[in-house]
Amino acid sequence: MRVVLTGGGTGGHIYPALAVAREVSRQHPQAAFLYIGSKHGLEAQLVPRAGFPFQSVEISGLKRKLSLDNVKTVWKFIRAVAESKRMLREFKPDVVVGTGGYVCGPVMYAAAKLGIPTLVHEQNVVPGLTNKFLSRSASKIAVSFSESLSFFPPAKTVLTGNPRATEVMHGDAEAGRRFLGVDAGKKIVLIFGGSRGARAINEAVLSMVPHVSDFAGTHFVYVTGDVHYEKISASLRQMGDLPGNLSVLSFVHNMPDVLAATHVLVSRAGASTLAEVTALGVPSILIPSPYVTNNHQEKNARGLEKAGAAEVIVERDLTGQSLLESLTALLRDQNRWEQMRKSSLALGMPKAATEIVAQLTELARGK
């Protein structure tokens, strides 16, 4: 099988695409891949690091009001479609997979025009503009939440879940602990603001750091994001010696291993993150980003909260004290933690990537 993948801008689009690629490789060891992204997007770093061939087109998103920039964007789209067609003709894929972001537009549109089967994957409850546009010409649409089914044509839409759920099932908790240097007897609280970090979470954690040492038997892993790491490190140095039960990292590339060892997660509510924690049954404290289209992170998070799998703190209510109180209540109530774990597992769709690969195999055969 020859597969082209496209998706970019944030880890929430890139990691699901890479999860699909790895599952295709597990099922079809001779498969060949090409990832088409933006040269300025995070995918330009993550995809080569993951070991997949990468090529790029130049593209940007439309503004929501009339402007000269939109004229330039339309011209970029036309050129990107032409460039995508060239790449697709050279690679000759059996199927093209798009996971969202501006770069998906020209690549998936070009594939449809060339008669190549395409599969669009939507991670969020409320679909993004790009995937709504692409759904008209896509051969198949895979969604992560049942609530998303109504947004797409029923005849070609399937509920699969998010492929990151399958990816984390291959994580190794012992490897995660070795990486972090944390003994097996300690609980791990992972605090993670997404692939680029989150300033509000960082500020809350900074004010909470002096109290971290109060949690005997618990190790805190604080992932700042590359953008914020130097500033946060400087602030921590000004506080003096760090608590012995705190690790500060800029980024984690082996997240499946670290998540497998995690007792409680504090994070944004990106769709991939929620797929991961529910597949593993990790209780979570979610702080949805208020800066995303359609407020989709809060909509994602509220579903877990309603099911009893997570607690939600909206960003306007987030302080070091509120986060400390939530963590204290959860870490010191084993019965509540166990109930949240069971509720989280009940929502998980750990075979998501397997389901998507089955759809791809069917599309490739019918080519």
Foldseek 3Di string as FASTA:
>chain_A
DEEEEEFFAFCLFVVLRVLLVVVCCVVPVPYAYEYEYACPTPCVVPVVVSPHHYDYADADDADPDDDPVNVVRVVSLVVLLVVLLVVCVVRVGLEYEGEDDGSCQSNLVSCLVVVHAYEYEALFLDGDPSVLVSLVRHQAYEYADPSNCVSHDVVRYDYQHGSLLQVLVPAAQVVLCVVVVHDLQAAEEEEAAGQAADPLSLQLVLVQQVCPLVDPRYAYEYAGAQVCQVVSVVSVVVVPDGRPRYHYHPDDPRVSHNLLRHQEYEYEQRSSVLQNCLSNLHAYEYAHDCPDPPSRRVVSVVVLVVLLQYHYDYSVRRHNVVVVVVCVVQVVDPVSSVSNSVSSPVSHNNCSSVVVVVVSVVSSVVD
